[in-house]
Structure formats: C-alpha cells, structure tokens
N, C-alpha and C. Protein backbone atom coordinates (compact mmCIF):
# COMPACT_ATOMS: atom_id res chain seq x y z
N UNK A 1 -15.08 20.26 -14.74
CA UNK A 1 -13.97 21.07 -13.59
C UNK A 1 -12.99 21.27 -14.81
N UNK A 2 -12.42 22.48 -15.06
CA UNK A 2 -11.21 23.09 -15.83
C UNK A 2 -10.15 23.48 -15.11
N UNK A 3 -9.07 22.98 -15.51
CA UNK A 3 -7.72 23.53 -14.70
C UNK A 3 -7.25 24.75 -15.12
N UNK A 4 -7.35 25.78 -14.30
CA UNK A 4 -6.87 26.95 -14.90
C UNK A 4 -5.37 27.34 -14.56
N UNK A 5 -4.70 26.61 -13.91
CA UNK A 5 -3.32 26.81 -13.70
C UNK A 5 -2.54 25.38 -13.20
N UNK A 6 -1.28 25.20 -13.63
CA UNK A 6 -0.78 23.93 -13.14
C UNK A 6 0.68 24.42 -13.21
N UNK A 7 1.40 23.88 -11.92
CA UNK A 7 2.59 24.46 -11.60
C UNK A 7 3.23 23.24 -11.06
N UNK A 8 4.63 23.09 -11.07
CA UNK A 8 5.33 22.09 -10.04
C UNK A 8 6.26 23.15 -9.31
N UNK A 9 6.16 22.48 -7.70
CA UNK A 9 6.69 23.03 -6.83
C UNK A 9 8.23 22.43 -6.65
N UNK A 10 9.21 22.80 -7.25
CA UNK A 10 10.34 22.21 -7.15
C UNK A 10 10.85 21.79 -5.85
N UNK A 11 10.55 22.98 -4.75
CA UNK A 11 11.35 23.09 -3.75
C UNK A 11 10.50 21.77 -2.70
N UNK A 12 9.28 21.51 -2.73
CA UNK A 12 8.35 20.41 -2.32
C UNK A 12 8.19 19.27 -3.15
N UNK A 13 8.54 19.14 -4.25
CA UNK A 13 8.31 17.91 -5.11
C UNK A 13 6.55 17.35 -5.20
N UNK A 14 5.72 18.57 -5.44
CA UNK A 14 4.50 18.39 -5.49
C UNK A 14 4.16 19.25 -6.88
N UNK A 15 3.13 18.67 -7.27
CA UNK A 15 2.31 19.31 -8.45
C UNK A 15 1.12 20.25 -7.80
N UNK A 16 0.68 21.51 -8.07
CA UNK A 16 -0.14 22.08 -7.58
C UNK A 16 -1.30 22.28 -9.08
N UNK A 17 -2.50 22.37 -9.04
CA UNK A 17 -3.56 22.63 -9.70
C UNK A 17 -4.51 23.59 -9.63
N UNK A 18 -4.99 24.64 -10.31
CA UNK A 18 -5.92 25.59 -9.87
C UNK A 18 -7.09 25.20 -10.21
N UNK A 19 -8.27 24.91 -9.67
CA UNK A 19 -9.47 24.93 -10.51
C UNK A 19 -10.64 25.61 -9.69
N UNK A 20 -11.72 25.58 -10.38
CA UNK A 20 -13.02 26.21 -9.51
C UNK A 20 -13.97 25.18 -9.47
N UNK A 21 -14.75 25.03 -8.06
CA UNK A 21 -15.57 24.21 -8.04
C UNK A 21 -16.57 24.85 -6.89
N UNK A 22 -17.89 24.58 -7.29
CA UNK A 22 -18.83 25.12 -6.13
C UNK A 22 -18.68 26.51 -6.26
N UNK A 23 -18.34 27.28 -6.81
CA UNK A 23 -18.05 28.77 -7.10
C UNK A 23 -16.83 29.21 -6.29
N UNK A 24 -16.03 28.25 -5.72
CA UNK A 24 -14.83 28.71 -5.04
C UNK A 24 -13.68 28.14 -5.58
N UNK A 25 -12.56 28.79 -5.36
CA UNK A 25 -11.53 28.65 -5.76
C UNK A 25 -10.67 27.55 -5.09
N UNK A 26 -10.47 26.36 -5.45
CA UNK A 26 -9.60 25.34 -4.83
C UNK A 26 -8.20 24.92 -5.69
N UNK A 27 -7.32 24.29 -4.80
CA UNK A 27 -5.99 23.86 -5.38
C UNK A 27 -5.78 22.58 -5.01
N UNK A 28 -5.38 22.04 -5.75
CA UNK A 28 -4.98 20.17 -5.93
C UNK A 28 -3.69 19.99 -5.81
N UNK A 29 -3.02 19.62 -4.73
CA UNK A 29 -1.42 19.29 -4.63
C UNK A 29 -1.22 17.95 -4.61
N UNK A 30 -0.72 17.46 -5.73
CA UNK A 30 -0.75 16.07 -6.19
C UNK A 30 0.80 15.42 -5.89
N UNK A 31 0.82 14.09 -5.45
CA UNK A 31 2.28 13.76 -5.12
C UNK A 31 2.35 12.20 -4.96
N UNK A 32 3.30 11.60 -4.92
CA UNK A 32 3.39 10.01 -5.13
C UNK A 32 3.91 9.83 -3.66
N UNK A 33 3.64 8.52 -3.05
CA UNK A 33 4.13 7.89 -1.98
C UNK A 33 3.75 6.67 -1.92
N UNK A 34 5.20 5.76 -2.02
CA UNK A 34 4.71 4.11 -1.99
C UNK A 34 4.21 3.82 -3.56
N UNK A 35 3.42 3.22 -3.78
CA UNK A 35 2.81 2.95 -5.12
C UNK A 35 1.52 3.72 -5.39
N UNK A 36 1.34 4.71 -4.47
CA UNK A 36 0.08 5.48 -4.69
C UNK A 36 0.37 6.89 -4.96
N UNK A 37 -0.70 7.29 -5.69
CA UNK A 37 -0.80 8.68 -5.97
C UNK A 37 -1.98 9.31 -5.10
N UNK A 38 -1.41 10.71 -4.64
CA UNK A 38 -2.50 11.09 -3.60
C UNK A 38 -2.58 12.61 -4.02
N UNK A 39 -3.76 13.22 -3.45
CA UNK A 39 -4.13 14.64 -3.46
C UNK A 39 -4.61 15.22 -2.73
N UNK A 40 -4.12 16.41 -2.45
CA UNK A 40 -4.54 17.17 -1.25
C UNK A 40 -5.33 18.30 -1.92
N UNK A 41 -6.58 18.53 -1.75
CA UNK A 41 -7.40 19.46 -2.10
C UNK A 41 -7.85 20.55 -0.92
N UNK A 42 -7.47 22.00 -1.54
CA UNK A 42 -7.49 22.92 -0.61
C UNK A 42 -8.53 23.98 -1.27
N UNK A 43 -9.60 24.05 -0.61
CA UNK A 43 -10.47 25.12 -1.05
C UNK A 43 -10.55 26.25 -0.39
N UNK A 44 -10.81 27.45 -0.85
CA UNK A 44 -10.78 28.69 -0.29
C UNK A 44 -12.03 28.89 0.61
N UNK A 45 -12.14 29.67 1.73
CA UNK A 45 -13.30 29.86 2.61
C UNK A 45 -12.93 31.30 2.93
N UNK A 46 -13.79 32.25 2.12
CA UNK A 46 -13.33 33.47 2.11
C UNK A 46 -14.00 34.29 3.22
N UNK A 47 -14.97 33.44 3.66
CA UNK A 47 -15.70 34.42 4.62
C UNK A 47 -16.70 33.26 5.59
N UNK A 48 -16.98 33.66 6.87
CA UNK A 48 -17.44 32.93 7.92
C UNK A 48 -18.80 32.16 7.48
N UNK A 49 -19.50 32.88 6.90
CA UNK A 49 -20.83 32.34 6.45
C UNK A 49 -20.52 31.14 5.31
N UNK A 50 -19.84 30.93 4.60
CA UNK A 50 -19.58 29.86 3.81
C UNK A 50 -19.05 28.68 4.93
N UNK A 51 -17.85 29.31 5.87
CA UNK A 51 -17.50 28.24 6.73
C UNK A 51 -18.51 27.36 7.38
N UNK A 52 -19.52 28.20 8.08
CA UNK A 52 -20.53 27.64 8.79
C UNK A 52 -21.54 27.05 7.82
N UNK A 53 -21.63 27.41 6.68
CA UNK A 53 -22.48 26.64 5.67
C UNK A 53 -22.26 25.32 5.50
N UNK A 54 -20.93 24.95 5.47
CA UNK A 54 -20.12 23.74 5.35
C UNK A 54 -20.35 22.88 6.37
N UNK A 55 -20.62 23.36 7.39
CA UNK A 55 -20.44 22.55 8.79
C UNK A 55 -19.49 22.92 9.91
N UNK A 56 -18.45 24.06 9.59
CA UNK A 56 -17.36 23.93 10.30
C UNK A 56 -17.83 24.93 11.44
N UNK A 57 -17.02 24.87 12.70
CA UNK A 57 -17.12 25.67 13.66
C UNK A 57 -15.81 26.33 14.08
N UNK A 58 -15.73 27.64 14.54
CA UNK A 58 -14.55 28.23 15.19
C UNK A 58 -14.51 27.78 16.84
N UNK A 59 -13.57 27.64 17.01
CA UNK A 59 -13.28 27.37 18.50
C UNK A 59 -13.70 28.45 19.35
N UNK A 60 -14.55 28.16 20.51
CA UNK A 60 -14.61 29.40 21.23
C UNK A 60 -13.94 30.44 21.56
N UNK A 61 -14.49 31.80 21.33
CA UNK A 61 -13.68 32.71 21.69
C UNK A 61 -12.49 33.41 20.78
N UNK A 62 -12.91 32.63 19.50
CA UNK A 62 -11.88 32.97 18.22
C UNK A 62 -12.51 33.43 17.04
N UNK A 63 -12.06 34.47 16.84
CA UNK A 63 -12.80 35.25 15.51
C UNK A 63 -12.34 34.28 14.43
N UNK A 64 -13.06 34.23 13.20
CA UNK A 64 -12.75 33.72 12.02
C UNK A 64 -11.55 34.98 11.25
N UNK A 65 -10.90 34.36 10.84
CA UNK A 65 -9.57 35.12 10.33
C UNK A 65 -9.55 36.14 9.01
N UNK A 66 -9.25 37.31 9.15
CA UNK A 66 -9.58 38.36 8.06
C UNK A 66 -8.99 38.13 7.01
N UNK A 67 -8.05 37.23 6.80
CA UNK A 67 -7.69 36.78 5.50
C UNK A 67 -8.21 35.38 5.07
N UNK A 68 -9.26 35.07 5.60
CA UNK A 68 -9.84 34.10 5.29
C UNK A 68 -9.30 32.36 5.93
N UNK A 69 -9.95 31.39 5.42
CA UNK A 69 -9.55 30.14 5.62
C UNK A 69 -9.17 29.10 4.43
N UNK A 70 -9.00 27.79 4.62
CA UNK A 70 -8.78 26.87 3.60
C UNK A 70 -9.29 25.52 4.19
N UNK A 71 -10.29 25.30 3.24
CA UNK A 71 -11.08 23.78 3.70
C UNK A 71 -9.65 22.89 3.09
N UNK A 72 -9.38 21.58 3.80
CA UNK A 72 -8.39 20.71 3.38
C UNK A 72 -9.25 19.38 3.25
N UNK A 73 -8.94 18.59 2.30
CA UNK A 73 -9.14 17.07 2.45
C UNK A 73 -8.09 16.75 1.65
N UNK A 74 -7.94 15.00 1.91
CA UNK A 74 -6.85 14.50 1.18
C UNK A 74 -7.18 13.05 0.94
N UNK A 75 -6.58 12.28 -0.11
CA UNK A 75 -7.13 11.10 -0.33
C UNK A 75 -6.03 10.42 -1.30
N UNK A 76 -6.27 9.26 -1.79
CA UNK A 76 -5.59 8.55 -2.59
C UNK A 76 -6.49 8.67 -3.79
N UNK A 77 -5.45 9.09 -5.02
CA UNK A 77 -6.10 9.79 -6.26
C UNK A 77 -6.18 8.27 -7.51
N UNK A 78 -7.44 8.14 -7.37
CA UNK A 78 -7.70 6.91 -8.51
C UNK A 78 -8.51 7.44 -9.61
N UNK A 79 -8.95 8.86 -9.75
CA UNK A 79 -9.52 9.24 -10.69
C UNK A 79 -10.43 10.12 -9.65
N UNK A 80 -11.23 11.02 -10.46
CA UNK A 80 -12.18 11.80 -9.80
C UNK A 80 -13.36 10.81 -9.21
N UNK A 81 -13.81 9.66 -9.81
CA UNK A 81 -15.01 9.11 -9.44
C UNK A 81 -14.44 8.51 -8.02
N UNK A 82 -13.08 8.01 -7.69
CA UNK A 82 -12.80 7.52 -6.59
C UNK A 82 -12.53 8.21 -5.45
N UNK A 83 -12.25 9.53 -5.70
CA UNK A 83 -11.83 10.78 -4.77
C UNK A 83 -13.05 10.65 -3.73
N UNK A 84 -12.54 10.72 -2.29
CA UNK A 84 -13.41 10.97 -1.21
C UNK A 84 -14.00 9.87 -0.77
N UNK A 85 -13.29 8.68 -1.37
CA UNK A 85 -13.55 7.37 -0.79
C UNK A 85 -13.03 7.07 1.00
N UNK A 86 -12.07 7.86 0.84
CA UNK A 86 -11.41 7.89 2.16
C UNK A 86 -10.95 6.60 2.89
N UNK A 87 -10.20 5.74 2.01
CA UNK A 87 -10.16 4.57 2.34
C UNK A 87 -8.56 4.20 2.99
N UNK A 88 -8.36 3.39 3.95
CA UNK A 88 -7.06 3.48 4.42
C UNK A 88 -6.16 2.42 3.47
N UNK A 89 -4.91 3.07 3.32
CA UNK A 89 -3.90 2.47 2.70
C UNK A 89 -2.94 2.06 3.34
N UNK A 90 -2.79 0.53 3.61
CA UNK A 90 -1.54 -0.25 4.25
C UNK A 90 -0.33 0.09 3.69
N UNK A 91 0.62 0.42 4.58
CA UNK A 91 2.11 0.59 4.48
C UNK A 91 2.84 -0.22 5.35
N UNK A 92 3.89 -0.77 4.54
CA UNK A 92 5.02 -1.23 5.27
C UNK A 92 6.16 -0.42 5.98
N UNK A 93 6.32 -0.27 7.10
CA UNK A 93 7.56 0.62 7.66
C UNK A 93 6.76 2.06 7.89
N UNK A 94 7.53 2.77 7.62
CA UNK A 94 7.10 4.67 7.77
C UNK A 94 6.35 4.97 6.84
N UNK A 95 5.72 4.39 5.73
CA UNK A 95 5.07 4.79 4.82
C UNK A 95 4.05 5.91 4.99
N UNK A 96 2.95 5.57 5.83
CA UNK A 96 1.82 6.51 6.19
C UNK A 96 2.55 7.56 6.71
N UNK A 97 3.83 7.52 7.49
CA UNK A 97 4.09 9.04 8.07
C UNK A 97 4.92 9.76 6.80
N UNK A 98 5.32 9.09 5.72
CA UNK A 98 5.98 9.92 4.45
C UNK A 98 4.66 10.62 4.04
N UNK A 99 3.32 10.23 3.82
CA UNK A 99 2.07 10.65 3.25
C UNK A 99 1.76 11.55 4.18
N UNK A 100 1.73 11.46 5.49
CA UNK A 100 1.13 12.60 6.42
C UNK A 100 2.41 13.78 6.35
N UNK A 101 3.57 13.71 6.08
CA UNK A 101 4.54 14.41 6.13
C UNK A 101 4.52 15.28 4.70
N UNK A 102 4.10 14.64 3.57
CA UNK A 102 3.75 15.26 2.41
C UNK A 102 2.60 16.26 2.53
N UNK A 103 1.64 15.50 2.96
CA UNK A 103 0.14 16.32 3.15
C UNK A 103 0.84 17.87 4.02
N UNK A 104 1.40 17.68 5.13
CA UNK A 104 1.74 18.80 5.69
C UNK A 104 2.70 19.60 4.84
N UNK A 105 3.84 19.15 3.93
CA UNK A 105 4.22 19.89 3.02
C UNK A 105 3.61 20.87 2.11
N UNK A 106 2.43 20.30 1.68
CA UNK A 106 1.56 20.77 0.98
C UNK A 106 0.62 21.94 1.45
N UNK A 107 0.41 21.73 2.86
CA UNK A 107 -0.15 22.77 3.68
C UNK A 107 0.57 23.76 3.88
N UNK A 108 1.96 23.54 4.07
CA UNK A 108 2.90 24.79 4.33
C UNK A 108 3.07 25.44 3.03
N UNK A 109 3.31 24.67 1.72
CA UNK A 109 3.58 25.43 0.75
C UNK A 109 2.28 26.41 0.05
N UNK A 110 0.90 25.82 0.39
CA UNK A 110 -0.10 26.56 0.45
C UNK A 110 -0.13 28.02 1.18
N UNK A 111 0.20 27.72 2.29
CA UNK A 111 0.06 28.88 3.27
C UNK A 111 1.05 30.18 3.12
N UNK A 112 2.31 29.57 2.69
CA UNK A 112 3.52 30.04 2.18
C UNK A 112 3.20 31.14 0.86
N UNK A 113 2.16 30.68 -0.06
CA UNK A 113 2.26 30.88 -1.38
C UNK A 113 1.07 32.04 -1.06
N UNK A 114 -0.06 31.66 -0.42
CA UNK A 114 -1.43 32.53 -0.37
C UNK A 114 -1.65 33.30 0.98
N UNK A 115 -0.92 32.98 1.99
CA UNK A 115 -0.93 33.97 3.21
C UNK A 115 -2.31 33.86 3.89
N UNK A 116 -2.72 32.85 3.92
CA UNK A 116 -4.53 32.54 4.63
C UNK A 116 -4.31 32.82 6.07
N UNK A 117 -5.62 32.73 6.57
CA UNK A 117 -5.35 32.93 7.88
C UNK A 117 -5.39 31.57 8.84
N UNK A 118 -5.85 30.34 8.16
CA UNK A 118 -5.61 29.17 8.64
C UNK A 118 -6.41 27.92 7.71
N UNK A 119 -6.04 26.73 8.57
CA UNK A 119 -6.97 25.57 7.76
C UNK A 119 -7.86 25.24 8.55
N UNK A 120 -8.84 24.39 7.91
CA UNK A 120 -9.72 23.90 8.58
C UNK A 120 -10.28 22.37 7.86
N UNK A 121 -10.36 21.27 8.71
CA UNK A 121 -10.80 20.11 7.99
C UNK A 121 -11.41 19.15 8.97
N UNK A 122 -11.95 18.03 8.72
CA UNK A 122 -12.56 16.93 9.48
C UNK A 122 -12.08 15.72 9.43
N UNK A 123 -11.82 14.87 10.70
CA UNK A 123 -11.34 13.64 10.69
C UNK A 123 -12.27 12.91 10.11
N UNK A 124 -12.05 11.98 8.63
CA UNK A 124 -13.05 11.17 8.31
C UNK A 124 -13.27 9.86 9.37
N UNK A 125 -14.39 9.27 9.29
CA UNK A 125 -14.46 8.28 10.40
C UNK A 125 -15.83 7.41 10.01
N UNK A 126 -15.49 6.00 10.66
CA UNK A 126 -16.28 5.18 10.24
C UNK A 126 -16.29 4.07 9.09
N UNK A 127 -16.63 3.19 9.05
CA UNK A 127 -16.93 2.27 7.57
C UNK A 127 -15.58 1.93 7.13
N UNK A 128 -15.49 2.19 5.88
CA UNK A 128 -14.18 1.72 5.09
C UNK A 128 -12.98 2.70 5.62
N UNK A 129 -13.12 3.86 6.14
CA UNK A 129 -12.10 4.68 6.49
C UNK A 129 -11.04 4.15 7.86
N UNK A 130 -12.10 3.38 8.90
CA UNK A 130 -11.43 2.98 9.96
C UNK A 130 -10.98 1.75 9.41
N UNK A 131 -11.48 0.81 8.63
CA UNK A 131 -10.95 -0.81 8.58
C UNK A 131 -9.80 -0.58 8.57
N UNK A 132 -9.23 -2.03 9.00
CA UNK A 132 -7.47 -1.86 9.12
C UNK A 132 -6.85 -0.92 9.84
N UNK A 133 -7.33 -0.10 10.51
CA UNK A 133 -6.51 0.61 11.35
C UNK A 133 -6.18 0.38 12.80
N UNK A 134 -5.19 0.82 13.14
CA UNK A 134 -4.63 0.26 14.62
C UNK A 134 -5.39 1.66 15.50
N UNK A 135 -5.30 2.70 14.88
CA UNK A 135 -6.03 3.77 16.07
C UNK A 135 -6.81 4.67 14.90
N UNK A 136 -7.95 5.33 15.15
CA UNK A 136 -8.50 6.19 14.42
C UNK A 136 -8.10 7.38 13.99
N UNK A 137 -8.73 8.05 12.62
CA UNK A 137 -7.97 9.37 12.20
C UNK A 137 -7.88 10.50 12.84
N UNK A 138 -9.09 10.20 13.99
CA UNK A 138 -9.41 11.30 14.75
C UNK A 138 -8.17 11.64 15.88
N UNK A 139 -7.81 10.28 16.52
CA UNK A 139 -6.63 9.86 17.23
C UNK A 139 -5.39 10.36 16.46
N UNK A 140 -5.26 9.92 15.54
CA UNK A 140 -3.81 10.11 15.03
C UNK A 140 -3.66 11.59 14.74
N UNK A 141 -4.61 12.64 13.95
CA UNK A 141 -4.50 14.00 14.18
C UNK A 141 -4.29 14.54 15.16
N UNK A 142 -5.09 14.34 16.37
CA UNK A 142 -4.86 14.81 17.60
C UNK A 142 -3.43 14.78 18.11
N UNK A 143 -2.72 13.42 17.79
CA UNK A 143 -1.11 13.22 18.03
C UNK A 143 -0.46 14.19 17.11
N UNK A 144 -0.86 14.01 15.84
CA UNK A 144 -0.05 15.00 15.05
C UNK A 144 -0.18 16.39 15.20
N UNK A 145 -1.37 16.98 15.50
CA UNK A 145 -1.41 18.49 15.75
C UNK A 145 -1.00 18.76 17.26
N UNK A 146 -0.37 17.91 17.94
CA UNK A 146 -0.03 18.13 19.32
C UNK A 146 -1.09 18.56 20.52
N UNK A 147 -2.34 18.21 20.14
CA UNK A 147 -3.54 18.15 21.03
C UNK A 147 -3.40 17.03 21.88
N UNK A 148 -2.79 15.91 21.97
CA UNK A 148 -2.63 14.86 22.37
C UNK A 148 -1.51 14.24 22.58
N UNK A 149 -1.12 13.97 23.76
CA UNK A 149 0.30 13.18 24.30
C UNK A 149 0.55 12.19 25.07
N UNK A 150 -0.75 11.71 25.30
CA UNK A 150 -1.16 10.60 26.43
C UNK A 150 -0.03 9.32 25.95
N UNK A 151 0.60 8.92 26.63
CA UNK A 151 1.46 7.54 26.12
C UNK A 151 0.77 6.57 25.32
N UNK A 152 1.39 5.93 24.53
CA UNK A 152 0.62 4.76 23.70
C UNK A 152 1.48 3.75 24.06
N UNK A 153 0.70 2.24 23.78
CA UNK A 153 1.80 1.15 24.28
C UNK A 153 1.33 0.22 22.94
N UNK A 154 2.18 -0.45 22.70
CA UNK A 154 2.28 -1.66 21.89
C UNK A 154 1.46 -2.84 22.59
N UNK A 155 0.39 -2.97 21.48
CA UNK A 155 -0.38 -4.06 22.01
C UNK A 155 -0.15 -5.67 22.33
N UNK A 156 0.74 -5.71 21.32
CA UNK A 156 1.46 -7.34 21.32
C UNK A 156 2.62 -7.42 22.55
N UNK A 157 3.24 -6.26 22.46
CA UNK A 157 4.44 -6.22 23.47
C UNK A 157 4.35 -5.70 24.80
N UNK A 158 3.41 -4.68 24.69
CA UNK A 158 2.89 -3.68 25.99
C UNK A 158 4.15 -2.95 26.29
N UNK A 159 5.05 -2.65 25.36
CA UNK A 159 6.16 -1.51 25.63
C UNK A 159 5.57 -0.49 25.14
N UNK A 160 6.21 0.82 25.74
CA UNK A 160 5.65 2.00 25.33
C UNK A 160 6.42 2.26 23.90
N UNK A 161 4.98 3.09 23.56
CA UNK A 161 5.82 3.93 21.97
C UNK A 161 5.95 5.04 22.16
N UNK A 162 6.65 5.37 20.86
CA UNK A 162 7.51 6.81 20.78
C UNK A 162 5.79 7.69 20.56
N UNK A 163 5.91 8.69 21.39
CA UNK A 163 4.52 9.54 20.87
C UNK A 163 5.07 10.28 19.49
N UNK A 164 3.93 10.74 18.41
CA UNK A 164 4.61 11.28 17.24
C UNK A 164 4.82 12.75 17.64
N UNK A 165 5.59 13.34 16.83
CA UNK A 165 6.02 14.88 16.78
C UNK A 165 4.82 15.56 16.35
N UNK A 166 4.13 16.61 16.59
CA UNK A 166 3.43 17.11 15.96
C UNK A 166 4.03 17.70 14.69
N UNK A 167 2.96 17.93 13.49
CA UNK A 167 3.95 18.05 12.21
C UNK A 167 3.24 19.63 12.08
N UNK A 168 3.08 20.52 13.01
CA UNK A 168 2.58 22.00 12.07
C UNK A 168 3.70 22.80 12.55
N UNK A 169 4.09 23.45 11.66
CA UNK A 169 5.26 24.15 11.97
C UNK A 169 4.97 25.39 13.18
N UNK A 170 5.95 25.75 14.12
CA UNK A 170 5.93 26.67 15.19
C UNK A 170 4.95 27.98 14.40
N UNK A 171 4.40 28.88 15.42
CA UNK A 171 3.78 29.69 14.98
C UNK A 171 2.28 29.43 14.75
N UNK A 172 1.97 28.34 14.40
CA UNK A 172 0.56 27.76 14.05
C UNK A 172 -0.03 26.82 14.96
N UNK A 173 -1.22 27.27 15.28
CA UNK A 173 -1.91 26.61 16.39
C UNK A 173 -2.96 26.04 16.31
N UNK A 174 -3.06 24.59 16.41
CA UNK A 174 -4.09 23.46 16.11
C UNK A 174 -5.51 23.59 17.60
N UNK A 175 -6.67 23.43 16.97
CA UNK A 175 -7.89 23.66 17.81
C UNK A 175 -8.45 22.44 17.36
N UNK A 176 -9.52 21.97 18.04
CA UNK A 176 -10.31 20.82 17.75
C UNK A 176 -11.83 21.06 18.31
N UNK A 177 -12.86 20.99 17.80
CA UNK A 177 -14.08 21.01 18.13
C UNK A 177 -14.83 19.56 17.52
N UNK A 178 -15.91 19.37 18.27
CA UNK A 178 -16.69 18.15 17.92
C UNK A 178 -18.11 18.61 17.44
N UNK A 179 -18.15 18.59 16.38
CA UNK A 179 -19.74 18.68 15.73
C UNK A 179 -20.39 17.57 14.92
N UNK A 180 -21.48 17.53 15.32
CA UNK A 180 -22.37 16.34 14.86
C UNK A 180 -21.72 14.99 14.63
N UNK A 181 -20.85 14.69 15.97
CA UNK A 181 -19.95 13.71 16.28
C UNK A 181 -19.14 13.46 14.85
N UNK A 182 -18.43 14.55 14.53
CA UNK A 182 -17.21 14.77 13.55
C UNK A 182 -16.07 15.61 14.30
N UNK A 183 -15.03 15.16 14.43
CA UNK A 183 -13.98 15.96 14.93
C UNK A 183 -13.58 17.27 13.81
N UNK A 184 -13.98 18.23 14.35
CA UNK A 184 -13.34 19.30 13.23
C UNK A 184 -12.25 19.99 14.03
N UNK A 185 -10.84 20.41 13.05
CA UNK A 185 -9.74 20.74 13.25
C UNK A 185 -9.50 22.11 12.36
N UNK A 186 -9.26 22.96 13.55
CA UNK A 186 -8.66 24.49 13.27
C UNK A 186 -7.32 24.70 13.24
N UNK A 187 -6.52 25.04 12.31
CA UNK A 187 -5.03 25.46 12.37
C UNK A 187 -4.91 26.95 11.90
N UNK A 188 -4.83 27.68 13.22
CA UNK A 188 -4.40 29.35 12.80
C UNK A 188 -3.20 29.93 13.07
N UNK A 189 -2.89 30.80 12.57
CA UNK A 189 -1.54 31.74 12.90
C UNK A 189 -1.69 32.58 14.24
C-alpha cells in the first residue's frame, strides 16, 4: 500500500492519508483518544455494482446516489496486522463518546471535502467485538444515528439513562437494513 497524499486537517485535529487498495481510492483519518490511536478508513464506492458486490443494500425505494458513496470502518490502529480486529476498548468516563465524536468529525470532514452522496457501514458483531460491552454496537449505532430512542435503564440502580443524542448533522438521514444477520447502515443527504 503506497500513501499518495498526507495532510493534517487543522480544523478537526485529524491527519488524512490517501491510498489505493482493491483498485479503489481510500482515505485514512488518524486521531488519538485516550492512550489509543484510531483510524477511520473511508473507501470510495462510485457505483451500485461495487456497492452490492461488497454486500451492501440500499433501503427500499431509495436510489444509489449519483455522487457515489463511501464505505466506512474504524478501529484501533496497532499497525496493519491488527486492523479490523474490532476489539472493544474500555474507557473510564466519557472516553468512548470522544472516540465516536471524532469518528463523526472524520465523516463530516470527508463529506465536506469530497461532496459524496452518502456513507455506508456495518456494525461489527459477535466474538471479540461484543466482549466487555454493555450494549451491542448495533444498538449503540441505532441510538447515535437517531434510529432508536427507547428509554434505557441503569441495570444496577434501575434509574433512567439519558438517551444519546444523534451524531449526524441536520440534512443527513440514516437508514438501516439487516442483511446476512448484519446491520447495514446508509447515511444519505
């Protein structure tokens, strides 16, 4: 993998690298949170054929955007060998919220720079992904994308928890389909 471009986005505190993988242009947004380094990988999906070949589906009655889409995944970055292990990282306090907010900022930066039609990603599930989690990634993403607002309760105290506020900017809409027992999320303008 050869890095074709590297820039620091001052407004976001994130470094962006451009590379080509699987004959598609990808961008890596790198940031630190707590004692970990994370990367958000965004790969261009220019056409619906590539989109469906990878295993994604558009929501019913919605056309694939003319401007194309971007496939998103993120993980702790321990080098390329450990990327996509999707292991849960424990934080004290609001650390995990900081990570998700930084991921959201990377998506906003990418959207503003490249004017794409939308984003697509899947919630990793099972095994090491769910180990140590209080709720699954699927449920967490449902709340953060504004797809779920059911009240949650603290298991220890029985008190009502505050519902997480959606992290997507106004004007963007989130959709969810379940394919092959995996939650697929599409965010469109």
